[in-house]
């Protein structure tokens, strides 16, 4: 199976890694000459995922049009899940 991921940012790489597996060929397409440029500058170049738990109810107030979606997304894949995801991939 071949999968195309559009975008070489953090979300694109997350999707590509998550989709990869035996017998799966994943290709990332990025229009910019640099990939992961925002990730490279976050956390002093160490990719700062987060340093403290978020209060989702406070976070979503900053995104009124996306509040419902964000609440659902964070219930489905919370910060501890993010840490586990990275740790399971070394």
PDB file of N, CA and C in Angstrom:
ATOM      1  N   UNK A   1       0.838  -1.166   0.000  1.00  0.00           N
ATOM      2  CA  UNK A   1       0.000   0.000   0.000  1.00  0.00           C
ATOM      3  C   UNK A   1       0.888   1.236   0.000  1.00  0.00           C
ATOM      4  N   UNK A   2       0.469   2.233  -0.754  1.00  0.00           N
ATOM      5  CA  UNK A   2       1.191   3.501  -0.800  1.00  0.00           C
ATOM      6  C   UNK A   2       0.311   4.596  -0.204  1.00  0.00           C
ATOM      7  N   UNK A   3       0.918   5.421   0.657  1.00  0.00           N
ATOM      8  CA  UNK A   3       0.200   6.520   1.295  1.00  0.00           C
ATOM      9  C   UNK A   3       0.967   7.808   1.057  1.00  0.00           C
ATOM     10  N   UNK A   4       0.252   8.862   0.671  1.00  0.00           N
ATOM     11  CA  UNK A   4       0.849  10.186   0.497  1.00  0.00           C
ATOM     12  C   UNK A   4       0.397  11.074   1.644  1.00  0.00           C
ATOM     13  N   UNK A   5       1.352  11.768   2.245  1.00  0.00           N
ATOM     14  CA  UNK A   5       1.059  12.741   3.294  1.00  0.00           C
ATOM     15  C   UNK A   5       1.430  14.109   2.748  1.00  0.00           C
ATOM     16  N   UNK A   6       0.498  15.028   2.791  1.00  0.00           N
ATOM     17  CA  UNK A   6       0.735  16.375   2.281  1.00  0.00           C
ATOM     18  C   UNK A   6       1.108  17.269   3.457  1.00  0.00           C
ATOM     19  N   UNK A   7       2.338  17.739   3.454  1.00  0.00           N
ATOM     20  CA  UNK A   7       2.818  18.640   4.497  1.00  0.00           C
ATOM     21  C   UNK A   7       3.930  18.018   5.315  1.00  0.00           C
ATOM     22  N   UNK A   8       5.066  18.706   5.343  1.00  0.00           N
ATOM     23  CA  UNK A   8       6.238  18.217   6.064  1.00  0.00           C
ATOM     24  C   UNK A   8       6.437  18.886   7.405  1.00  0.00           C
ATOM     25  N   UNK A   9       5.336  19.252   8.046  1.00  0.00           N
ATOM     26  CA  UNK A   9       5.409  19.815   9.388  1.00  0.00           C
ATOM     27  C   UNK A   9       5.198  18.731  10.430  1.00  0.00           C
ATOM     28  N   UNK A  10       5.006  19.164  11.653  1.00  0.00           N
ATOM     29  CA  UNK A  10       4.845  18.217  12.758  1.00  0.00           C
ATOM     30  C   UNK A  10       3.669  17.271  12.532  1.00  0.00           C
ATOM     31  N   UNK A  11       2.530  17.811  12.114  1.00  0.00           N
ATOM     32  CA  UNK A  11       1.350  16.971  11.902  1.00  0.00           C
ATOM     33  C   UNK A  11       1.566  15.986  10.754  1.00  0.00           C
ATOM     34  N   UNK A  12       2.233  16.436   9.694  1.00  0.00           N
ATOM     35  CA  UNK A  12       2.516  15.551   8.574  1.00  0.00           C
ATOM     36  C   UNK A  12       3.418  14.392   8.961  1.00  0.00           C
ATOM     37  N   UNK A  13       4.449  14.695   9.730  1.00  0.00           N
ATOM     38  CA  UNK A  13       5.351  13.636  10.172  1.00  0.00           C
ATOM     39  C   UNK A  13       4.666  12.700  11.156  1.00  0.00           C
ATOM     40  N   UNK A  14       3.852  13.258  12.041  1.00  0.00           N
ATOM     41  CA  UNK A  14       3.092  12.429  12.970  1.00  0.00           C
ATOM     42  C   UNK A  14       2.211  11.462  12.190  1.00  0.00           C
ATOM     43  N   UNK A  15       1.506  11.978  11.188  1.00  0.00           N
ATOM     44  CA  UNK A  15       0.632  11.134  10.372  1.00  0.00           C
ATOM     45  C   UNK A  15       1.427  10.067   9.628  1.00  0.00           C
ATOM     46  N   UNK A  16       2.567  10.451   9.070  1.00  0.00           N
ATOM     47  CA  UNK A  16       3.389   9.502   8.315  1.00  0.00           C
ATOM     48  C   UNK A  16       3.924   8.389   9.208  1.00  0.00           C
ATOM     49  N   UNK A  17       4.408   8.760  10.377  1.00  0.00           N
ATOM     50  CA  UNK A  17       4.931   7.754  11.305  1.00  0.00           C
ATOM     51  C   UNK A  17       3.808   6.840  11.769  1.00  0.00           C
ATOM     52  N   UNK A  18       2.670   7.429  12.081  1.00  0.00           N
ATOM     53  CA  UNK A  18       1.524   6.651  12.554  1.00  0.00           C
ATOM     54  C   UNK A  18       1.019   5.692  11.474  1.00  0.00           C
ATOM     55  N   UNK A  19       1.087   6.107  10.215  1.00  0.00           N
ATOM     56  CA  UNK A  19       0.581   5.283   9.111  1.00  0.00           C
ATOM     57  C   UNK A  19       1.567   4.211   8.667  1.00  0.00           C
ATOM     58  N   UNK A  20       2.832   4.372   9.010  1.00  0.00           N
ATOM     59  CA  UNK A  20       3.850   3.444   8.514  1.00  0.00           C
ATOM     60  C   UNK A  20       3.722   2.069   9.162  1.00  0.00           C
ATOM     61  N   UNK A  21       4.233   1.097   8.458  1.00  0.00           N
ATOM     62  CA  UNK A  21       4.210  -0.269   8.955  1.00  0.00           C
ATOM     63  C   UNK A  21       4.679  -1.214   7.868  1.00  0.00           C
ATOM     64  N   UNK A  22       4.720  -2.501   8.181  1.00  0.00           N
ATOM     65  CA  UNK A  22       5.152  -3.484   7.186  1.00  0.00           C
ATOM     66  C   UNK A  22       4.278  -3.435   5.930  1.00  0.00           C
ATOM     67  N   UNK A  23       4.923  -3.362   4.790  1.00  0.00           N
ATOM     68  CA  UNK A  23       4.212  -3.352   3.519  1.00  0.00           C
ATOM     69  C   UNK A  23       3.562  -2.026   3.161  1.00  0.00           C
ATOM     70  N   UNK A  24       3.866  -0.988   3.938  1.00  0.00           N
ATOM     71  CA  UNK A  24       3.277   0.330   3.675  1.00  0.00           C
ATOM     72  C   UNK A  24       4.385   1.305   3.316  1.00  0.00           C
ATOM     73  N   UNK A  25       4.230   1.950   2.176  1.00  0.00           N
ATOM     74  CA  UNK A  25       5.195   2.951   1.724  1.00  0.00           C
ATOM     75  C   UNK A  25       4.563   4.328   1.901  1.00  0.00           C
ATOM     76  N   UNK A  26       5.164   5.138   2.770  1.00  0.00           N
ATOM     77  CA  UNK A  26       4.635   6.471   3.051  1.00  0.00           C
ATOM     78  C   UNK A  26       5.574   7.508   2.456  1.00  0.00           C
ATOM     79  N   UNK A  27       5.018   8.447   1.698  1.00  0.00           N
ATOM     80  CA  UNK A  27       5.793   9.540   1.118  1.00  0.00           C
ATOM     81  C   UNK A  27       5.217  10.856   1.615  1.00  0.00           C
ATOM     82  N   UNK A  28       6.108  11.738   2.093  1.00  0.00           N
ATOM     83  CA  UNK A  28       5.694  13.059   2.557  1.00  0.00           C
ATOM     84  C   UNK A  28       6.007  14.069   1.463  1.00  0.00           C
ATOM     85  N   UNK A  29       5.017  14.882   1.120  1.00  0.00           N
ATOM     86  CA  UNK A  29       5.193  15.940   0.133  1.00  0.00           C
ATOM     87  C   UNK A  29       5.134  17.286   0.838  1.00  0.00           C
ATOM     88  N   UNK A  30       6.148  18.120   0.612  1.00  0.00           N
ATOM     89  CA  UNK A  30       6.231  19.442   1.233  1.00  0.00           C
ATOM     90  C   UNK A  30       6.628  20.456   0.176  1.00  0.00           C
ATOM     91  N   UNK A  31       5.898  21.557   0.083  1.00  0.00           N
ATOM     92  CA  UNK A  31       6.191  22.572  -0.931  1.00  0.00           C
ATOM     93  C   UNK A  31       7.399  23.420  -0.570  1.00  0.00           C
ATOM     94  N   UNK A  32       7.682  23.558   0.697  1.00  0.00           N
ATOM     95  CA  UNK A  32       8.801  24.377   1.164  1.00  0.00           C
ATOM     96  C   UNK A  32      10.106  23.587   1.056  1.00  0.00           C
ATOM     97  N   UNK A  33      11.232  24.264   0.866  1.00  0.00           N
ATOM     98  CA  UNK A  33      12.507  23.545   0.806  1.00  0.00           C
ATOM     99  C   UNK A  33      12.949  22.994   2.167  1.00  0.00           C
ATOM    100  N   UNK A  34      12.328  23.464   3.248  1.00  0.00           N
ATOM    101  CA  UNK A  34      12.694  22.998   4.591  1.00  0.00           C
ATOM    102  C   UNK A  34      11.528  22.257   5.224  1.00  0.00           C
ATOM    103  N   UNK A  35      11.846  21.134   5.844  1.00  0.00           N
ATOM    104  CA  UNK A  35      10.824  20.381   6.565  1.00  0.00           C
ATOM    105  C   UNK A  35      11.043  20.552   8.064  1.00  0.00           C
ATOM    106  N   UNK A  36       9.985  20.439   8.811  1.00  0.00           N
ATOM    107  CA  UNK A  36      10.022  20.505  10.273  1.00  0.00           C
ATOM    108  C   UNK A  36      10.675  21.769  10.820  1.00  0.00           C
ATOM    109  N   UNK A  37      10.621  22.863  10.075  1.00  0.00           N
ATOM    110  CA  UNK A  37      11.326  24.077  10.500  1.00  0.00           C
ATOM    111  C   UNK A  37      10.798  24.623  11.824  1.00  0.00           C
ATOM    112  N   UNK A  38       9.496  24.590  12.055  1.00  0.00           N
ATOM    113  CA  UNK A  38       8.958  25.080  13.326  1.00  0.00           C
ATOM    114  C   UNK A  38       9.300  24.137  14.473  1.00  0.00           C
ATOM    115  N   UNK A  39       9.324  22.850  14.201  1.00  0.00           N
ATOM    116  CA  UNK A  39       9.682  21.881  15.236  1.00  0.00           C
ATOM    117  C   UNK A  39      11.136  22.075  15.650  1.00  0.00           C
ATOM    118  N   UNK A  40      11.986  22.360  14.684  1.00  0.00           N
ATOM    119  CA  UNK A  40      13.417  22.510  14.969  1.00  0.00           C
ATOM    120  C   UNK A  40      13.716  23.693  15.875  1.00  0.00           C
ATOM    121  N   UNK A  41      12.887  24.728  15.851  1.00  0.00           N
ATOM    122  CA  UNK A  41      13.149  25.897  16.693  1.00  0.00           C
ATOM    123  C   UNK A  41      12.412  25.835  18.026  1.00  0.00           C
ATOM    124  N   UNK A  42      11.478  24.916  18.171  1.00  0.00           N
ATOM    125  CA  UNK A  42      10.732  24.842  19.429  1.00  0.00           C
ATOM    126  C   UNK A  42      11.580  24.201  20.520  1.00  0.00           C
ATOM    127  N   UNK A  43      11.406  24.674  21.725  1.00  0.00           N
ATOM    128  CA  UNK A  43      12.138  24.099  22.851  1.00  0.00           C
ATOM    129  C   UNK A  43      13.634  24.242  22.725  1.00  0.00           C
ATOM    130  N   UNK A  44      14.103  25.338  22.140  1.00  0.00           N
ATOM    131  CA  UNK A  44      15.546  25.539  21.990  1.00  0.00           C
ATOM    132  C   UNK A  44      16.182  24.525  21.064  1.00  0.00           C
ATOM    133  N   UNK A  45      15.436  24.058  20.082  1.00  0.00           N
ATOM    134  CA  UNK A  45      15.962  23.085  19.126  1.00  0.00           C
ATOM    135  C   UNK A  45      15.768  21.642  19.550  1.00  0.00           C
ATOM    136  N   UNK A  46      15.056  21.427  20.661  1.00  0.00           N
ATOM    137  CA  UNK A  46      14.851  20.067  21.161  1.00  0.00           C
ATOM    138  C   UNK A  46      13.406  19.595  21.000  1.00  0.00           C
ATOM    139  N   UNK A  47      12.605  20.328  20.252  1.00  0.00           N
ATOM    140  CA  UNK A  47      11.201  19.972  20.023  1.00  0.00           C
ATOM    141  C   UNK A  47      10.432  19.879  21.334  1.00  0.00           C
ATOM    142  N   UNK A  48      10.085  21.010  21.868  1.00  0.00           N
ATOM    143  CA  UNK A  48       9.350  21.087  23.123  1.00  0.00           C
ATOM    144  C   UNK A  48       7.904  20.663  22.894  1.00  0.00           C
ATOM    145  N   UNK A  49       7.573  19.444  23.286  1.00  0.00           N
ATOM    146  CA  UNK A  49       6.206  18.956  23.127  1.00  0.00           C
ATOM    147  C   UNK A  49       5.313  19.663  24.138  1.00  0.00           C
ATOM    148  N   UNK A  50       5.627  19.533  25.384  1.00  0.00           N
ATOM    149  CA  UNK A  50       4.945  20.251  26.455  1.00  0.00           C
ATOM    150  C   UNK A  50       5.720  20.020  27.736  1.00  0.00           C
ATOM    151  N   UNK A  51       5.606  20.957  28.636  1.00  0.00           N
ATOM    152  CA  UNK A  51       6.289  20.814  29.914  1.00  0.00           C
ATOM    153  C   UNK A  51       5.311  20.753  31.078  1.00  0.00           C
ATOM    154  N   UNK A  52       4.056  20.889  30.790  1.00  0.00           N
ATOM    155  CA  UNK A  52       3.052  20.802  31.845  1.00  0.00           C
ATOM    156  C   UNK A  52       1.716  20.370  31.256  1.00  0.00           C
ATOM    157  N   UNK A  53       0.895  19.731  32.070  1.00  0.00           N
ATOM    158  CA  UNK A  53      -0.432  19.341  31.584  1.00  0.00           C
ATOM    159  C   UNK A  53      -1.275  20.569  31.261  1.00  0.00           C
ATOM    160  N   UNK A  54      -2.073  20.460  30.244  1.00  0.00           N
ATOM    161  CA  UNK A  54      -2.958  21.555  29.850  1.00  0.00           C
ATOM    162  C   UNK A  54      -4.319  21.392  30.502  1.00  0.00           C
ATOM    163  N   UNK A  55      -4.918  22.504  30.845  1.00  0.00           N
ATOM    164  CA  UNK A  55      -6.317  22.486  31.246  1.00  0.00           C
ATOM    165  C   UNK A  55      -7.114  22.715  29.969  1.00  0.00           C
ATOM    166  N   UNK A  56      -7.664  21.647  29.445  1.00  0.00           N
ATOM    167  CA  UNK A  56      -8.326  21.686  28.145  1.00  0.00           C
ATOM    168  C   UNK A  56      -9.438  22.733  28.124  1.00  0.00           C
ATOM    169  N   UNK A  57     -10.184  22.848  29.212  1.00  0.00           N
ATOM    170  CA  UNK A  57     -11.281  23.819  29.236  1.00  0.00           C
ATOM    171  C   UNK A  57     -10.778  25.246  29.050  1.00  0.00           C
ATOM    172  N   UNK A  58      -9.578  25.540  29.546  1.00  0.00           N
ATOM    173  CA  UNK A  58      -8.997  26.874  29.356  1.00  0.00           C
ATOM    174  C   UNK A  58      -8.426  27.026  27.946  1.00  0.00           C
ATOM    175  N   UNK A  59      -7.779  25.985  27.452  1.00  0.00           N
ATOM    176  CA  UNK A  59      -7.176  26.036  26.123  1.00  0.00           C
ATOM    177  C   UNK A  59      -8.216  26.298  25.039  1.00  0.00           C
ATOM    178  N   UNK A  60      -9.312  25.564  25.069  1.00  0.00           N
ATOM    179  CA  UNK A  60     -10.292  25.661  23.987  1.00  0.00           C
ATOM    180  C   UNK A  60     -10.992  27.015  23.945  1.00  0.00           C
ATOM    181  N   UNK A  61     -10.959  27.764  25.019  1.00  0.00           N
ATOM    182  CA  UNK A  61     -11.570  29.102  25.025  1.00  0.00           C
ATOM    183  C   UNK A  61     -10.846  30.040  24.057  1.00  0.00           C
ATOM    184  N   UNK A  62      -9.591  29.733  23.725  1.00  0.00           N
ATOM    185  CA  UNK A  62      -8.825  30.531  22.770  1.00  0.00           C
ATOM    186  C   UNK A  62      -9.185  30.218  21.323  1.00  0.00           C
ATOM    187  N   UNK A  63      -9.956  29.164  21.112  1.00  0.00           N
ATOM    188  CA  UNK A  63     -10.339  28.734  19.765  1.00  0.00           C
ATOM    189  C   UNK A  63     -11.853  28.505  19.724  1.00  0.00           C
ATOM    190  N   UNK A  64     -12.646  29.573  19.808  1.00  0.00           N
ATOM    191  CA  UNK A  64     -14.100  29.393  19.923  1.00  0.00           C
ATOM    192  C   UNK A  64     -14.738  28.617  18.776  1.00  0.00           C
ATOM    193  N   UNK A  65     -14.232  28.768  17.556  1.00  0.00           N
ATOM    194  CA  UNK A  65     -14.826  28.027  16.432  1.00  0.00           C
ATOM    195  C   UNK A  65     -14.445  26.557  16.463  1.00  0.00           C
ATOM    196  N   UNK A  66     -13.367  26.221  17.152  1.00  0.00           N
ATOM    197  CA  UNK A  66     -12.924  24.836  17.184  1.00  0.00           C
ATOM    198  C   UNK A  66     -13.082  24.171  18.530  1.00  0.00           C
ATOM    199  N   UNK A  67     -13.815  24.816  19.435  1.00  0.00           N
ATOM    200  CA  UNK A  67     -13.917  24.301  20.806  1.00  0.00           C
ATOM    201  C   UNK A  67     -14.434  22.864  20.860  1.00  0.00           C
ATOM    202  N   UNK A  68     -15.509  22.582  20.168  1.00  0.00           N
ATOM    203  CA  UNK A  68     -16.107  21.242  20.202  1.00  0.00           C
ATOM    204  C   UNK A  68     -15.131  20.197  19.657  1.00  0.00           C
ATOM    205  N   UNK A  69     -14.509  20.508  18.518  1.00  0.00           N
ATOM    206  CA  UNK A  69     -13.550  19.577  17.914  1.00  0.00           C
ATOM    207  C   UNK A  69     -12.351  19.343  18.833  1.00  0.00           C
ATOM    208  N   UNK A  70     -11.801  20.422  19.388  1.00  0.00           N
ATOM    209  CA  UNK A  70     -10.620  20.290  20.237  1.00  0.00           C
ATOM    210  C   UNK A  70     -10.903  19.484  21.495  1.00  0.00           C
ATOM    211  N   UNK A  71     -12.045  19.705  22.106  1.00  0.00           N
ATOM    212  CA  UNK A  71     -12.398  18.921  23.294  1.00  0.00           C
ATOM    213  C   UNK A  71     -12.436  17.433  22.954  1.00  0.00           C
ATOM    214  N   UNK A  72     -13.062  17.115  21.833  1.00  0.00           N
ATOM    215  CA  UNK A  72     -13.158  15.710  21.412  1.00  0.00           C
ATOM    216  C   UNK A  72     -11.771  15.144  21.105  1.00  0.00           C
ATOM    217  N   UNK A  73     -10.952  15.924  20.402  1.00  0.00           N
ATOM    218  CA  UNK A  73      -9.613  15.456  20.035  1.00  0.00           C
ATOM    219  C   UNK A  73      -8.756  15.200  21.268  1.00  0.00           C
ATOM    220  N   UNK A  74      -8.797  16.102  22.238  1.00  0.00           N
ATOM    221  CA  UNK A  74      -7.993  15.918  23.446  1.00  0.00           C
ATOM    222  C   UNK A  74      -8.528  14.802  24.333  1.00  0.00           C
ATOM    223  N   UNK A  75      -9.811  14.528  24.278  1.00  0.00           N
ATOM    224  CA  UNK A  75     -10.338  13.373  25.016  1.00  0.00           C
ATOM    225  C   UNK A  75      -9.852  12.077  24.367  1.00  0.00           C
ATOM    226  N   UNK A  76      -9.750  12.092  23.041  1.00  0.00           N
ATOM    227  CA  UNK A  76      -9.331  10.897  22.298  1.00  0.00           C
ATOM    228  C   UNK A  76      -7.820  10.670  22.377  1.00  0.00           C
ATOM    229  N   UNK A  77      -7.035  11.745  22.380  1.00  0.00           N
ATOM    230  CA  UNK A  77      -5.573  11.632  22.358  1.00  0.00           C
ATOM    231  C   UNK A  77      -5.014  12.737  23.244  1.00  0.00           C
ATOM    232  N   UNK A  78      -4.876  12.446  24.527  1.00  0.00           N
ATOM    233  CA  UNK A  78      -4.454  13.435  25.518  1.00  0.00           C
ATOM    234  C   UNK A  78      -2.927  13.511  25.605  1.00  0.00           C
ATOM    235  N   UNK A  79      -2.441  14.444  26.403  1.00  0.00           N
ATOM    236  CA  UNK A  79      -0.995  14.641  26.540  1.00  0.00           C
ATOM    237  C   UNK A  79      -0.272  13.365  26.979  1.00  0.00           C
ATOM    238  N   UNK A  80      -0.774  12.618  27.969  1.00  0.00           N
ATOM    239  CA  UNK A  80      -0.087  11.358  28.307  1.00  0.00           C
ATOM    240  C   UNK A  80       0.004  10.399  27.116  1.00  0.00           C
ATOM    241  N   UNK A  81      -1.013  10.407  26.265  1.00  0.00           N
ATOM    242  CA  UNK A  81      -0.973   9.571  25.056  1.00  0.00           C
ATOM    243  C   UNK A  81       0.144  10.023  24.121  1.00  0.00           C
ATOM    244  N   UNK A  82       0.372  11.331  24.053  1.00  0.00           N
ATOM    245  CA  UNK A  82       1.448  11.874  23.220  1.00  0.00           C
ATOM    246  C   UNK A  82       2.798  11.400  23.726  1.00  0.00           C
ATOM    247  N   UNK A  83       3.007  11.482  25.032  1.00  0.00           N
ATOM    248  CA  UNK A  83       4.265  10.997  25.614  1.00  0.00           C
ATOM    249  C   UNK A  83       4.452   9.507  25.334  1.00  0.00           C
ATOM    250  N   UNK A  84       3.397   8.725  25.543  1.00  0.00           N
ATOM    251  CA  UNK A  84       3.469   7.283  25.286  1.00  0.00           C
ATOM    252  C   UNK A  84       3.791   7.002  23.825  1.00  0.00           C
ATOM    253  N   UNK A  85       3.184   7.784  22.920  1.00  0.00           N
ATOM    254  CA  UNK A  85       3.409   7.600  21.484  1.00  0.00           C
ATOM    255  C   UNK A  85       4.879   7.800  21.147  1.00  0.00           C
ATOM    256  N   UNK A  86       5.482   8.891  21.657  1.00  0.00           N
ATOM    257  CA  UNK A  86       6.900   9.146  21.388  1.00  0.00           C
ATOM    258  C   UNK A  86       7.782   8.075  22.027  1.00  0.00           C
ATOM    259  N   UNK A  87       7.498   7.698  23.261  1.00  0.00           N
ATOM    260  CA  UNK A  87       8.315   6.692  23.943  1.00  0.00           C
ATOM    261  C   UNK A  87       8.249   5.344  23.241  1.00  0.00           C
ATOM    262  N   UNK A  88       7.098   4.978  22.710  1.00  0.00           N
ATOM    263  CA  UNK A  88       6.970   3.685  22.040  1.00  0.00           C
ATOM    264  C   UNK A  88       7.746   3.628  20.727  1.00  0.00           C
ATOM    265  N   UNK A  89       8.144   4.789  20.230  1.00  0.00           N
ATOM    266  CA  UNK A  89       8.903   4.852  18.981  1.00  0.00           C
ATOM    267  C   UNK A  89      10.361   5.232  19.203  1.00  0.00           C
ATOM    268  N   UNK A  90      10.782   5.199  20.433  1.00  0.00           N
ATOM    269  CA  UNK A  90      12.188   5.454  20.770  1.00  0.00           C
ATOM    270  C   UNK A  90      12.541   6.891  20.780  1.00  0.00           C
TER     271      UNK A  90
END
